[in-house]
């Protein structure tokens, strides 16, 4: 259709929009076993505050990491150009590939550890 990247982006957005409308139609018309009601989507302040109090540390950790990574990439691009940025990308990808299995094992072990700790 001659739209190149714009056409790909448009097709992706339209596909996601169609899938969302189809899914919401299925749940809100009552055909599913799970009944969704709009009143259940309203946040309850005490529950929201307890979630925030537990997860705020992770949010700041992720925000700090993103800030550091953005500054690193900006500095590398400024001082060594595209080739340096390419090298940093490879190094960060290798680091991610080595770190993710460790993270997966630790997060997978948490429910088991918690259950066994609770069961004494």
PDB file of N, CA and C in Angstrom:
ATOM      1  N   UNK A   1       0.827  -1.209   0.000  1.00  0.00           N
ATOM      2  CA  UNK A   1       0.000   0.000   0.000  1.00  0.00           C
ATOM      3  C   UNK A   1       0.862   1.261   0.000  1.00  0.00           C
ATOM      4  N   UNK A   2       2.192   1.077   0.006  1.00  0.00           N
ATOM      5  CA  UNK A   2       3.078   2.222  -0.089  1.00  0.00           C
ATOM      6  C   UNK A   2       3.173   3.066   1.168  1.00  0.00           C
ATOM      7  N   UNK A   3       2.872   2.491   2.347  1.00  0.00           N
ATOM      8  CA  UNK A   3       2.889   3.278   3.575  1.00  0.00           C
ATOM      9  C   UNK A   3       4.144   3.037   4.407  1.00  0.00           C
ATOM     10  N   UNK A   4       4.946   2.061   4.046  1.00  0.00           N
ATOM     11  CA  UNK A   4       6.209   1.751   4.729  1.00  0.00           C
ATOM     12  C   UNK A   4       6.015   1.567   6.230  1.00  0.00           C
ATOM     13  N   UNK A   5       6.833   2.235   7.020  1.00  0.00           N
ATOM     14  CA  UNK A   5       6.803   2.080   8.479  1.00  0.00           C
ATOM     15  C   UNK A   5       5.495   2.615   9.059  1.00  0.00           C
ATOM     16  N   UNK A   6       4.984   3.697   8.480  1.00  0.00           N
ATOM     17  CA  UNK A   6       3.718   4.258   8.973  1.00  0.00           C
ATOM     18  C   UNK A   6       2.593   3.235   8.828  1.00  0.00           C
ATOM     19  N   UNK A   7       2.594   2.497   7.737  1.00  0.00           N
ATOM     20  CA  UNK A   7       1.583   1.469   7.525  1.00  0.00           C
ATOM     21  C   UNK A   7       1.714   0.334   8.524  1.00  0.00           C
ATOM     22  N   UNK A   8       2.953  -0.028   8.833  1.00  0.00           N
ATOM     23  CA  UNK A   8       3.180  -1.073   9.827  1.00  0.00           C
ATOM     24  C   UNK A   8       2.699  -0.634  11.203  1.00  0.00           C
ATOM     25  N   UNK A   9       3.013   0.600  11.565  1.00  0.00           N
ATOM     26  CA  UNK A   9       2.561   1.133  12.851  1.00  0.00           C
ATOM     27  C   UNK A   9       1.043   1.213  12.906  1.00  0.00           C
ATOM     28  N   UNK A  10       0.439   1.679  11.826  1.00  0.00           N
ATOM     29  CA  UNK A  10      -1.023   1.789  11.777  1.00  0.00           C
ATOM     30  C   UNK A  10      -1.675   0.416  11.882  1.00  0.00           C
ATOM     31  N   UNK A  11      -1.135  -0.568  11.174  1.00  0.00           N
ATOM     32  CA  UNK A  11      -1.685  -1.921  11.232  1.00  0.00           C
ATOM     33  C   UNK A  11      -1.562  -2.503  12.637  1.00  0.00           C
ATOM     34  N   UNK A  12      -0.439  -2.239  13.297  1.00  0.00           N
ATOM     35  CA  UNK A  12      -0.250  -2.734  14.662  1.00  0.00           C
ATOM     36  C   UNK A  12      -1.272  -2.115  15.610  1.00  0.00           C
ATOM     37  N   UNK A  13      -1.431  -0.807  15.536  1.00  0.00           N
ATOM     38  CA  UNK A  13      -2.381  -0.115  16.423  1.00  0.00           C
ATOM     39  C   UNK A  13      -3.806  -0.583  16.143  1.00  0.00           C
ATOM     40  N   UNK A  14      -4.175  -0.674  14.887  1.00  0.00           N
ATOM     41  CA  UNK A  14      -5.530  -1.107  14.552  1.00  0.00           C
ATOM     42  C   UNK A  14      -5.779  -2.557  14.974  1.00  0.00           C
ATOM     43  N   UNK A  15      -4.774  -3.410  14.813  1.00  0.00           N
ATOM     44  CA  UNK A  15      -4.915  -4.800  15.255  1.00  0.00           C
ATOM     45  C   UNK A  15      -5.104  -4.900  16.763  1.00  0.00           C
ATOM     46  N   UNK A  16      -4.320  -4.126  17.517  1.00  0.00           N
ATOM     47  CA  UNK A  16      -4.465  -4.127  18.974  1.00  0.00           C
ATOM     48  C   UNK A  16      -5.822  -3.556  19.391  1.00  0.00           C
ATOM     49  N   UNK A  17      -6.254  -2.498  18.719  1.00  0.00           N
ATOM     50  CA  UNK A  17      -7.554  -1.897  19.026  1.00  0.00           C
ATOM     51  C   UNK A  17      -8.688  -2.885  18.744  1.00  0.00           C
ATOM     52  N   UNK A  18      -8.637  -3.571  17.618  1.00  0.00           N
ATOM     53  CA  UNK A  18      -9.655  -4.563  17.270  1.00  0.00           C
ATOM     54  C   UNK A  18      -9.686  -5.693  18.304  1.00  0.00           C
ATOM     55  N   UNK A  19      -8.511  -6.196  18.687  1.00  0.00           N
ATOM     56  CA  UNK A  19      -8.449  -7.282  19.667  1.00  0.00           C
ATOM     57  C   UNK A  19      -9.001  -6.833  21.023  1.00  0.00           C
ATOM     58  N   UNK A  20      -8.709  -5.599  21.414  1.00  0.00           N
ATOM     59  CA  UNK A  20      -9.213  -5.076  22.689  1.00  0.00           C
ATOM     60  C   UNK A  20     -10.724  -4.938  22.667  1.00  0.00           C
ATOM     61  N   UNK A  21     -11.266  -4.389  21.602  1.00  0.00           N
ATOM     62  CA  UNK A  21     -12.725  -4.236  21.497  1.00  0.00           C
ATOM     63  C   UNK A  21     -13.400  -5.602  21.487  1.00  0.00           C
ATOM     64  N   UNK A  22     -12.842  -6.555  20.779  1.00  0.00           N
ATOM     65  CA  UNK A  22     -13.395  -7.908  20.727  1.00  0.00           C
ATOM     66  C   UNK A  22     -13.391  -8.548  22.112  1.00  0.00           C
ATOM     67  N   UNK A  23     -12.280  -8.412  22.829  1.00  0.00           N
ATOM     68  CA  UNK A  23     -12.163  -9.002  24.165  1.00  0.00           C
ATOM     69  C   UNK A  23     -13.135  -8.329  25.142  1.00  0.00           C
ATOM     70  N   UNK A  24     -13.203  -6.999  25.118  1.00  0.00           N
ATOM     71  CA  UNK A  24     -14.117  -6.297  26.023  1.00  0.00           C
ATOM     72  C   UNK A  24     -15.566  -6.649  25.711  1.00  0.00           C
ATOM     73  N   UNK A  25     -15.910  -6.783  24.451  1.00  0.00           N
ATOM     74  CA  UNK A  25     -17.253  -7.177  24.063  1.00  0.00           C
ATOM     75  C   UNK A  25     -17.595  -8.558  24.634  1.00  0.00           C
ATOM     76  N   UNK A  26     -16.644  -9.458  24.564  1.00  0.00           N
ATOM     77  CA  UNK A  26     -16.863 -10.810  25.079  1.00  0.00           C
ATOM     78  C   UNK A  26     -17.134 -10.791  26.586  1.00  0.00           C
ATOM     79  N   UNK A  27     -16.349 -10.036  27.335  1.00  0.00           N
ATOM     80  CA  UNK A  27     -16.514 -10.028  28.791  1.00  0.00           C
ATOM     81  C   UNK A  27     -17.716  -9.210  29.253  1.00  0.00           C
ATOM     82  N   UNK A  28     -17.968  -8.066  28.630  1.00  0.00           N
ATOM     83  CA  UNK A  28     -19.024  -7.188  29.118  1.00  0.00           C
ATOM     84  C   UNK A  28     -20.414  -7.567  28.619  1.00  0.00           C
ATOM     85  N   UNK A  29     -20.535  -8.427  27.617  1.00  0.00           N
ATOM     86  CA  UNK A  29     -21.869  -8.851  27.172  1.00  0.00           C
ATOM     87  C   UNK A  29     -22.385 -10.039  27.965  1.00  0.00           C
ATOM     88  N   UNK A  30     -21.586 -10.607  28.841  1.00  0.00           N
ATOM     89  CA  UNK A  30     -22.042 -11.693  29.698  1.00  0.00           C
ATOM     90  C   UNK A  30     -21.870 -13.075  29.114  1.00  0.00           C
ATOM     91  N   UNK A  31     -21.151 -13.230  28.017  1.00  0.00           N
ATOM     92  CA  UNK A  31     -20.947 -14.545  27.419  1.00  0.00           C
ATOM     93  C   UNK A  31     -19.854 -15.344  28.121  1.00  0.00           C
ATOM     94  N   UNK A  32     -19.034 -14.692  28.916  1.00  0.00           N
ATOM     95  CA  UNK A  32     -17.931 -15.399  29.565  1.00  0.00           C
ATOM     96  C   UNK A  32     -18.354 -15.872  30.958  1.00  0.00           C
ATOM     97  N   UNK A  33     -17.575 -16.800  31.516  1.00  0.00           N
ATOM     98  CA  UNK A  33     -17.835 -17.256  32.877  1.00  0.00           C
ATOM     99  C   UNK A  33     -17.462 -16.187  33.896  1.00  0.00           C
ATOM    100  N   UNK A  34     -16.487 -15.365  33.546  1.00  0.00           N
ATOM    101  CA  UNK A  34     -16.051 -14.279  34.423  1.00  0.00           C
ATOM    102  C   UNK A  34     -16.884 -13.050  34.091  1.00  0.00           C
ATOM    103  N   UNK A  35     -17.530 -12.484  35.109  1.00  0.00           N
ATOM    104  CA  UNK A  35     -18.372 -11.313  34.898  1.00  0.00           C
ATOM    105  C   UNK A  35     -17.610 -10.065  35.340  1.00  0.00           C
ATOM    106  N   UNK A  36     -17.398  -9.157  34.401  1.00  0.00           N
ATOM    107  CA  UNK A  36     -16.719  -7.909  34.704  1.00  0.00           C
ATOM    108  C   UNK A  36     -17.752  -6.812  34.877  1.00  0.00           C
ATOM    109  N   UNK A  37     -17.568  -6.020  35.922  1.00  0.00           N
ATOM    110  CA  UNK A  37     -18.456  -4.890  36.171  1.00  0.00           C
ATOM    111  C   UNK A  37     -17.592  -3.645  36.337  1.00  0.00           C
ATOM    112  N   UNK A  38     -18.039  -2.539  35.774  1.00  0.00           N
ATOM    113  CA  UNK A  38     -17.255  -1.312  35.828  1.00  0.00           C
ATOM    114  C   UNK A  38     -17.008  -0.848  37.255  1.00  0.00           C
ATOM    115  N   UNK A  39     -17.949  -1.079  38.174  1.00  0.00           N
ATOM    116  CA  UNK A  39     -17.771  -0.626  39.553  1.00  0.00           C
ATOM    117  C   UNK A  39     -16.595  -1.331  40.226  1.00  0.00           C
ATOM    118  N   UNK A  40     -16.239  -2.528  39.776  1.00  0.00           N
ATOM    119  CA  UNK A  40     -15.114  -3.241  40.358  1.00  0.00           C
ATOM    120  C   UNK A  40     -13.763  -2.706  39.883  1.00  0.00           C
ATOM    121  N   UNK A  41     -13.764  -1.847  38.877  1.00  0.00           N
ATOM    122  CA  UNK A  41     -12.521  -1.265  38.375  1.00  0.00           C
ATOM    123  C   UNK A  41     -12.171   0.046  39.070  1.00  0.00           C
ATOM    124  N   UNK A  42     -13.029   0.532  39.925  1.00  0.00           N
ATOM    125  CA  UNK A  42     -12.747   1.764  40.652  1.00  0.00           C
ATOM    126  C   UNK A  42     -11.762   1.459  41.774  1.00  0.00           C
ATOM    127  N   UNK A  43     -10.673   2.219  41.869  1.00  0.00           N
ATOM    128  CA  UNK A  43      -9.674   1.923  42.902  1.00  0.00           C
ATOM    129  C   UNK A  43     -10.194   2.244  44.298  1.00  0.00           C
ATOM    130  N   UNK A  44      -9.830   1.408  45.241  1.00  0.00           N
ATOM    131  CA  UNK A  44     -10.169   1.631  46.638  1.00  0.00           C
ATOM    132  C   UNK A  44      -8.911   2.163  47.320  1.00  0.00           C
ATOM    133  N   UNK A  45      -9.024   3.308  47.957  1.00  0.00           N
ATOM    134  CA  UNK A  45      -7.866   4.034  48.484  1.00  0.00           C
ATOM    135  C   UNK A  45      -7.018   3.196  49.444  1.00  0.00           C
ATOM    136  N   UNK A  46      -7.586   2.492  50.428  1.00  0.00           N
ATOM    137  CA  UNK A  46      -6.720   1.712  51.331  1.00  0.00           C
ATOM    138  C   UNK A  46      -5.919   0.632  50.610  1.00  0.00           C
ATOM    139  N   UNK A  47      -6.551  -0.032  49.649  1.00  0.00           N
ATOM    140  CA  UNK A  47      -5.844  -1.066  48.890  1.00  0.00           C
ATOM    141  C   UNK A  47      -4.755  -0.423  48.032  1.00  0.00           C
ATOM    142  N   UNK A  48      -5.084   0.693  47.405  1.00  0.00           N
ATOM    143  CA  UNK A  48      -4.120   1.404  46.570  1.00  0.00           C
ATOM    144  C   UNK A  48      -2.911   1.857  47.392  1.00  0.00           C
ATOM    145  N   UNK A  49      -3.145   2.383  48.577  1.00  0.00           N
ATOM    146  CA  UNK A  49      -2.040   2.829  49.440  1.00  0.00           C
ATOM    147  C   UNK A  49      -1.165   1.669  49.890  1.00  0.00           C
ATOM    148  N   UNK A  50      -1.771   0.517  50.176  1.00  0.00           N
ATOM    149  CA  UNK A  50      -0.956  -0.634  50.585  1.00  0.00           C
ATOM    150  C   UNK A  50      -0.106  -1.137  49.419  1.00  0.00           C
ATOM    151  N   UNK A  51      -0.647  -1.124  48.210  1.00  0.00           N
ATOM    152  CA  UNK A  51       0.126  -1.527  47.039  1.00  0.00           C
ATOM    153  C   UNK A  51       1.282  -0.557  46.808  1.00  0.00           C
ATOM    154  N   UNK A  52       0.990   0.735  46.899  1.00  0.00           N
ATOM    155  CA  UNK A  52       2.033   1.743  46.696  1.00  0.00           C
ATOM    156  C   UNK A  52       3.124   1.609  47.750  1.00  0.00           C
ATOM    157  N   UNK A  53       2.741   1.387  48.996  1.00  0.00           N
ATOM    158  CA  UNK A  53       3.747   1.290  50.061  1.00  0.00           C
ATOM    159  C   UNK A  53       4.669   0.092  49.870  1.00  0.00           C
ATOM    160  N   UNK A  54       4.166  -0.965  49.270  1.00  0.00           N
ATOM    161  CA  UNK A  54       4.992  -2.152  49.046  1.00  0.00           C
ATOM    162  C   UNK A  54       5.876  -1.977  47.812  1.00  0.00           C
ATOM    163  N   UNK A  55       5.365  -1.382  46.752  1.00  0.00           N
ATOM    164  CA  UNK A  55       6.058  -1.356  45.460  1.00  0.00           C
ATOM    165  C   UNK A  55       6.814  -0.065  45.153  1.00  0.00           C
ATOM    166  N   UNK A  56       6.784   0.923  46.032  1.00  0.00           N
ATOM    167  CA  UNK A  56       7.412   2.205  45.723  1.00  0.00           C
ATOM    168  C   UNK A  56       8.926   2.069  45.585  1.00  0.00           C
ATOM    169  N   UNK A  57       9.541   1.181  46.365  1.00  0.00           N
ATOM    170  CA  UNK A  57      10.987   0.994  46.296  1.00  0.00           C
ATOM    171  C   UNK A  57      11.387   0.457  44.927  1.00  0.00           C
ATOM    172  N   UNK A  58      10.633  -0.484  44.397  1.00  0.00           N
ATOM    173  CA  UNK A  58      10.920  -1.030  43.076  1.00  0.00           C
ATOM    174  C   UNK A  58      10.760   0.025  41.992  1.00  0.00           C
ATOM    175  N   UNK A  59       9.774   0.888  42.165  1.00  0.00           N
ATOM    176  CA  UNK A  59       9.570   1.961  41.198  1.00  0.00           C
ATOM    177  C   UNK A  59      10.775   2.888  41.160  1.00  0.00           C
ATOM    178  N   UNK A  60      11.252   3.306  42.322  1.00  0.00           N
ATOM    179  CA  UNK A  60      12.399   4.207  42.357  1.00  0.00           C
ATOM    180  C   UNK A  60      13.669   3.523  41.859  1.00  0.00           C
ATOM    181  N   UNK A  61      13.807   2.238  42.131  1.00  0.00           N
ATOM    182  CA  UNK A  61      14.951   1.486  41.623  1.00  0.00           C
ATOM    183  C   UNK A  61      14.935   1.469  40.095  1.00  0.00           C
ATOM    184  N   UNK A  62      13.795   1.152  39.512  1.00  0.00           N
ATOM    185  CA  UNK A  62      13.678   1.106  38.047  1.00  0.00           C
ATOM    186  C   UNK A  62      13.860   2.492  37.445  1.00  0.00           C
ATOM    187  N   UNK A  63      13.291   3.515  38.074  1.00  0.00           N
ATOM    188  CA  UNK A  63      13.437   4.881  37.565  1.00  0.00           C
ATOM    189  C   UNK A  63      14.903   5.314  37.621  1.00  0.00           C
ATOM    190  N   UNK A  64      15.599   4.967  38.688  1.00  0.00           N
ATOM    191  CA  UNK A  64      17.021   5.292  38.792  1.00  0.00           C
ATOM    192  C   UNK A  64      17.842   4.580  37.738  1.00  0.00           C
ATOM    193  N   UNK A  65      17.528   3.313  37.502  1.00  0.00           N
ATOM    194  CA  UNK A  65      18.244   2.555  36.478  1.00  0.00           C
ATOM    195  C   UNK A  65      18.021   3.167  35.092  1.00  0.00           C
ATOM    196  N   UNK A  66      16.773   3.518  34.779  1.00  0.00           N
ATOM    197  CA  UNK A  66      16.481   4.112  33.474  1.00  0.00           C
ATOM    198  C   UNK A  66      17.187   5.455  33.308  1.00  0.00           C
ATOM    199  N   UNK A  67      17.215   6.235  34.377  1.00  0.00           N
ATOM    200  CA  UNK A  67      17.897   7.532  34.335  1.00  0.00           C
ATOM    201  C   UNK A  67      19.397   7.339  34.089  1.00  0.00           C
ATOM    202  N   UNK A  68      19.995   6.377  34.789  1.00  0.00           N
ATOM    203  CA  UNK A  68      21.417   6.089  34.623  1.00  0.00           C
ATOM    204  C   UNK A  68      21.712   5.582  33.214  1.00  0.00           C
ATOM    205  N   UNK A  69      20.896   4.671  32.705  1.00  0.00           N
ATOM    206  CA  UNK A  69      21.102   4.128  31.361  1.00  0.00           C
ATOM    207  C   UNK A  69      20.958   5.216  30.306  1.00  0.00           C
ATOM    208  N   UNK A  70      19.982   6.094  30.465  1.00  0.00           N
ATOM    209  CA  UNK A  70      19.789   7.180  29.496  1.00  0.00           C
ATOM    210  C   UNK A  70      20.990   8.122  29.504  1.00  0.00           C
ATOM    211  N   UNK A  71      21.481   8.456  30.689  1.00  0.00           N
ATOM    212  CA  UNK A  71      22.654   9.331  30.772  1.00  0.00           C
ATOM    213  C   UNK A  71      23.892   8.659  30.203  1.00  0.00           C
ATOM    214  N   UNK A  72      24.046   7.361  30.451  1.00  0.00           N
ATOM    215  CA  UNK A  72      25.185   6.627  29.905  1.00  0.00           C
ATOM    216  C   UNK A  72      25.153   6.661  28.375  1.00  0.00           C
ATOM    217  N   UNK A  73      24.007   6.355  27.811  1.00  0.00           N
ATOM    218  CA  UNK A  73      23.893   6.332  26.351  1.00  0.00           C
ATOM    219  C   UNK A  73      24.109   7.724  25.752  1.00  0.00           C
ATOM    220  N   UNK A  74      23.599   8.748  26.417  1.00  0.00           N
ATOM    221  CA  UNK A  74      23.790  10.113  25.930  1.00  0.00           C
ATOM    222  C   UNK A  74      25.271  10.505  25.968  1.00  0.00           C
ATOM    223  N   UNK A  75      25.940  10.142  27.051  1.00  0.00           N
ATOM    224  CA  UNK A  75      27.366  10.455  27.171  1.00  0.00           C
ATOM    225  C   UNK A  75      28.197   9.680  26.153  1.00  0.00           C
ATOM    226  N   UNK A  76      27.908   8.392  25.991  1.00  0.00           N
ATOM    227  CA  UNK A  76      28.651   7.578  25.026  1.00  0.00           C
ATOM    228  C   UNK A  76      28.445   8.123  23.625  1.00  0.00           C
ATOM    229  N   UNK A  77      27.225   8.484  23.280  1.00  0.00           N
ATOM    230  CA  UNK A  77      26.943   9.029  21.949  1.00  0.00           C
ATOM    231  C   UNK A  77      27.693  10.341  21.732  1.00  0.00           C
ATOM    232  N   UNK A  78      27.766  11.156  22.774  1.00  0.00           N
ATOM    233  CA  UNK A  78      28.443  12.449  22.662  1.00  0.00           C
ATOM    234  C   UNK A  78      29.945  12.281  22.463  1.00  0.00           C
ATOM    235  N   UNK A  79      30.571  11.362  23.223  1.00  0.00           N
ATOM    236  CA  UNK A  79      32.028  11.259  23.215  1.00  0.00           C
ATOM    237  C   UNK A  79      32.588  10.225  22.242  1.00  0.00           C
ATOM    238  N   UNK A  80      31.816   9.214  21.855  1.00  0.00           N
ATOM    239  CA  UNK A  80      32.382   8.209  20.953  1.00  0.00           C
ATOM    240  C   UNK A  80      31.501   7.895  19.749  1.00  0.00           C
ATOM    241  N   UNK A  81      30.353   8.508  19.635  1.00  0.00           N
ATOM    242  CA  UNK A  81      29.531   8.365  18.444  1.00  0.00           C
ATOM    243  C   UNK A  81      28.755   7.057  18.377  1.00  0.00           C
ATOM    244  N   UNK A  82      28.352   6.746  17.176  1.00  0.00           N
ATOM    245  CA  UNK A  82      27.500   5.575  16.944  1.00  0.00           C
ATOM    246  C   UNK A  82      28.197   4.263  17.263  1.00  0.00           C
ATOM    247  N   UNK A  83      29.489   4.188  16.953  1.00  0.00           N
ATOM    248  CA  UNK A  83      30.225   2.948  17.210  1.00  0.00           C
ATOM    249  C   UNK A  83      30.292   2.652  18.709  1.00  0.00           C
ATOM    250  N   UNK A  84      30.526   3.672  19.511  1.00  0.00           N
ATOM    251  CA  UNK A  84      30.541   3.490  20.967  1.00  0.00           C
ATOM    252  C   UNK A  84      29.180   3.092  21.497  1.00  0.00           C
ATOM    253  N   UNK A  85      28.133   3.700  20.953  1.00  0.00           N
ATOM    254  CA  UNK A  85      26.777   3.353  21.370  1.00  0.00           C
ATOM    255  C   UNK A  85      26.452   1.916  21.000  1.00  0.00           C
ATOM    256  N   UNK A  86      26.914   1.501  19.832  1.00  0.00           N
ATOM    257  CA  UNK A  86      26.747   0.119  19.398  1.00  0.00           C
ATOM    258  C   UNK A  86      27.441  -0.838  20.370  1.00  0.00           C
ATOM    259  N   UNK A  87      28.666  -0.505  20.779  1.00  0.00           N
ATOM    260  CA  UNK A  87      29.419  -1.339  21.720  1.00  0.00           C
ATOM    261  C   UNK A  87      28.731  -1.412  23.079  1.00  0.00           C
ATOM    262  N   UNK A  88      28.229  -0.285  23.559  1.00  0.00           N
ATOM    263  CA  UNK A  88      27.513  -0.272  24.842  1.00  0.00           C
ATOM    264  C   UNK A  88      26.249  -1.119  24.748  1.00  0.00           C
ATOM    265  N   UNK A  89      25.563  -1.051  23.627  1.00  0.00           N
ATOM    266  CA  UNK A  89      24.362  -1.872  23.430  1.00  0.00           C
ATOM    267  C   UNK A  89      24.674  -3.357  23.501  1.00  0.00           C
ATOM    268  N   UNK A  90      25.775  -3.759  22.875  1.00  0.00           N
ATOM    269  CA  UNK A  90      26.171  -5.171  22.920  1.00  0.00           C
ATOM    270  C   UNK A  90      26.528  -5.581  24.339  1.00  0.00           C
ATOM    271  N   UNK A  91      27.306  -4.750  25.027  1.00  0.00           N
ATOM    272  CA  UNK A  91      27.712  -5.067  26.400  1.00  0.00           C
ATOM    273  C   UNK A  91      26.493  -5.163  27.315  1.00  0.00           C
ATOM    274  N   UNK A  92      25.544  -4.239  27.177  1.00  0.00           N
ATOM    275  CA  UNK A  92      24.343  -4.274  28.013  1.00  0.00           C
ATOM    276  C   UNK A  92      23.478  -5.494  27.685  1.00  0.00           C
ATOM    277  N   UNK A  93      23.437  -5.888  26.418  1.00  0.00           N
ATOM    278  CA  UNK A  93      22.671  -7.085  26.048  1.00  0.00           C
ATOM    279  C   UNK A  93      23.288  -8.342  26.639  1.00  0.00           C
ATOM    280  N   UNK A  94      24.608  -8.438  26.593  1.00  0.00           N
ATOM    281  CA  UNK A  94      25.288  -9.591  27.197  1.00  0.00           C
ATOM    282  C   UNK A  94      25.053  -9.603  28.706  1.00  0.00           C
ATOM    283  N   UNK A  95      25.139  -8.437  29.319  1.00  0.00           N
ATOM    284  CA  UNK A  95      24.867  -8.352  30.755  1.00  0.00           C
ATOM    285  C   UNK A  95      23.447  -8.782  31.098  1.00  0.00           C
ATOM    286  N   UNK A  96      22.502  -8.372  30.265  1.00  0.00           N
ATOM    287  CA  UNK A  96      21.111  -8.763  30.489  1.00  0.00           C
ATOM    288  C   UNK A  96      20.931 -10.269  30.330  1.00  0.00           C
ATOM    289  N   UNK A  97      21.556 -10.842  29.311  1.00  0.00           N
ATOM    290  CA  UNK A  97      21.442 -12.284  29.093  1.00  0.00           C
ATOM    291  C   UNK A  97      22.047 -13.094  30.238  1.00  0.00           C
ATOM    292  N   UNK A  98      23.072 -12.572  30.879  1.00  0.00           N
ATOM    293  CA  UNK A  98      23.659 -13.297  32.015  1.00  0.00           C
ATOM    294  C   UNK A  98      22.886 -13.055  33.303  1.00  0.00           C
ATOM    295  N   UNK A  99      22.249 -11.891  33.415  1.00  0.00           N
ATOM    296  CA  UNK A  99      21.546 -11.553  34.649  1.00  0.00           C
ATOM    297  C   UNK A  99      20.132 -12.128  34.706  1.00  0.00           C
ATOM    298  N   UNK A 100      19.452 -12.224  33.572  1.00  0.00           N
ATOM    299  CA  UNK A 100      18.055 -12.666  33.558  1.00  0.00           C
ATOM    300  C   UNK A 100      17.832 -14.084  34.087  1.00  0.00           C
ATOM    301  N   UNK A 101      18.660 -15.066  33.763  1.00  0.00           N
ATOM    302  CA  UNK A 101      18.444 -16.389  34.369  1.00  0.00           C
ATOM    303  C   UNK A 101      18.535 -16.364  35.898  1.00  0.00           C
ATOM    304  N   UNK A 102      19.459 -15.583  36.419  1.00  0.00           N
ATOM    305  CA  UNK A 102      19.588 -15.465  37.876  1.00  0.00           C
ATOM    306  C   UNK A 102      18.333 -14.824  38.463  1.00  0.00           C
ATOM    307  N   UNK A 103      17.854 -13.764  37.819  1.00  0.00           N
ATOM    308  CA  UNK A 103      16.638 -13.095  38.274  1.00  0.00           C
ATOM    309  C   UNK A 103      15.436 -14.028  38.187  1.00  0.00           C
ATOM    310  N   UNK A 104      15.344 -14.807  37.107  1.00  0.00           N
ATOM    311  CA  UNK A 104      14.232 -15.743  36.948  1.00  0.00           C
ATOM    312  C   UNK A 104      14.222 -16.822  38.018  1.00  0.00           C
ATOM    313  N   UNK A 105      15.393 -17.348  38.320  1.00  0.00           N
ATOM    314  CA  UNK A 105      15.484 -18.374  39.370  1.00  0.00           C
ATOM    315  C   UNK A 105      15.104 -17.788  40.721  1.00  0.00           C
ATOM    316  N   UNK A 106      15.595 -16.590  41.016  1.00  0.00           N
ATOM    317  CA  UNK A 106      15.286 -15.999  42.326  1.00  0.00           C
ATOM    318  C   UNK A 106      13.800 -15.667  42.447  1.00  0.00           C
ATOM    319  N   UNK A 107      13.196 -15.129  41.387  1.00  0.00           N
ATOM    320  CA  UNK A 107      11.768 -14.818  41.457  1.00  0.00           C
ATOM    321  C   UNK A 107      10.914 -16.081  41.440  1.00  0.00           C
ATOM    322  N   UNK A 108      11.381 -17.118  40.769  1.00  0.00           N
ATOM    323  CA  UNK A 108      10.651 -18.382  40.778  1.00  0.00           C
ATOM    324  C   UNK A 108      10.727 -19.084  42.119  1.00  0.00           C
ATOM    325  N   UNK A 109      11.810 -18.862  42.850  1.00  0.00           N
ATOM    326  CA  UNK A 109      11.988 -19.502  44.158  1.00  0.00           C
ATOM    327  C   UNK A 109      11.241 -18.769  45.271  1.00  0.00           C
ATOM    328  N   UNK A 110      10.893 -17.500  45.060  1.00  0.00           N
ATOM    329  CA  UNK A 110      10.235 -16.732  46.115  1.00  0.00           C
ATOM    330  C   UNK A 110       8.913 -17.330  46.583  1.00  0.00           C
ATOM    331  N   UNK A 111       7.995 -17.727  45.699  1.00  0.00           N
ATOM    332  CA  UNK A 111       6.739 -18.307  46.196  1.00  0.00           C
ATOM    333  C   UNK A 111       6.973 -19.614  46.957  1.00  0.00           C
ATOM    334  N   UNK A 112       7.909 -20.419  46.470  1.00  0.00           N
ATOM    335  CA  UNK A 112       8.197 -21.689  47.148  1.00  0.00           C
ATOM    336  C   UNK A 112       8.778 -21.424  48.531  1.00  0.00           C
ATOM    337  N   UNK A 113       9.720 -20.505  48.607  1.00  0.00           N
ATOM    338  CA  UNK A 113      10.328 -20.159  49.897  1.00  0.00           C
ATOM    339  C   UNK A 113       9.302 -19.570  50.847  1.00  0.00           C
ATOM    340  N   UNK A 114       8.459 -18.672  50.324  1.00  0.00           N
ATOM    341  CA  UNK A 114       7.429 -18.049  51.156  1.00  0.00           C
ATOM    342  C   UNK A 114       6.428 -19.058  51.672  1.00  0.00           C
ATOM    343  N   UNK A 115       6.014 -19.984  50.826  1.00  0.00           N
ATOM    344  CA  UNK A 115       5.060 -21.004  51.231  1.00  0.00           C
ATOM    345  C   UNK A 115       5.676 -21.888  52.322  1.00  0.00           C
ATOM    346  N   UNK A 116       6.904 -22.338  52.094  1.00  0.00           N
ATOM    347  CA  UNK A 116       7.550 -23.203  53.082  1.00  0.00           C
ATOM    348  C   UNK A 116       7.848 -22.480  54.379  1.00  0.00           C
ATOM    349  N   UNK A 117       8.198 -21.202  54.302  1.00  0.00           N
ATOM    350  CA  UNK A 117       8.432 -20.420  55.521  1.00  0.00           C
ATOM    351  C   UNK A 117       7.119 -20.270  56.304  1.00  0.00           C
ATOM    352  N   UNK A 118       6.038 -20.012  55.573  1.00  0.00           N
ATOM    353  CA  UNK A 118       4.731 -19.881  56.233  1.00  0.00           C
ATOM    354  C   UNK A 118       4.232 -21.185  56.821  1.00  0.00           C
ATOM    355  N   UNK A 119       4.594 -22.302  56.199  1.00  0.00           N
ATOM    356  CA  UNK A 119       4.164 -23.605  56.698  1.00  0.00           C
ATOM    357  C   UNK A 119       5.103 -24.139  57.786  1.00  0.00           C
ATOM    358  N   UNK A 120       6.158 -23.414  58.040  1.00  0.00           N
ATOM    359  CA  UNK A 120       7.200 -23.752  59.008  1.00  0.00           C
ATOM    360  C   UNK A 120       7.888 -25.042  58.627  1.00  0.00           C
TER     361      UNK A 120
END
